[in-house]
Amino acid sequence: MSTNWYPHTPYDVMYPKLFENEKQRISKILVDVIIEHFGSTAVPNLGGKGYIDIYIVVDKKDLDKTSKIIQEKLGYEYKKHASIKNQRLFYLRNADEVRYHLHLTYINNPDFIKAIKFRDYLINHPDEALEYEEIKKIASEKANKELTKENAKRVYMDTKVRIIDRILDRLEK
């Protein structure tokens, strides 16, 4: 039995434009915030799940206020169960089913800093980005054989962890 917990889609040249359009929409509502595109859709030629991952970075004291605005004025749905330490996760699905994942965090969050460094590294090292994509394809295939989403997530991340850690180790040197 195979599911589609973690689809792998080829890179789409429209990803940067989709991000820019959403960034402009967000910027009209949220001012004085950092808005960053990250994840696979932010790296040219890197396939992945096809979600546009966006970081919004604010002062820690503004997390609650910004979270409310993201939901009420931008139409994102808060996913408490999917949020992780030091950030909140929101989803938005538009008419043509492109999904946006918005990660709200605070300035100097180590996870945000790592994600941006990781993105920049892959952009500047296309051979390693291609290697990472191959690992992601394998991770997707393995995860989609799992019966539950929880197991699929664990398998997906466990399959990718070695290459991610190797790249992050290089960034720390």
Foldseek 3Di string as FASTA:
>chain_A
DFAQLWPKDWADPCLVVVQVVVVVVVCVQDPPWDKDWFDQNLAPGAITRQATEIETAAAPVCQVVVVVCCCPVVPWAWDQVPDDPQWTWTWDQDPVGHIYIYIYGYPPDPVVVLRVVLRVVCNVPVVLSVVLSVLQVVLSRVLRVDDDSVSSVVSSCVSNVVSSVVVSVVVVD
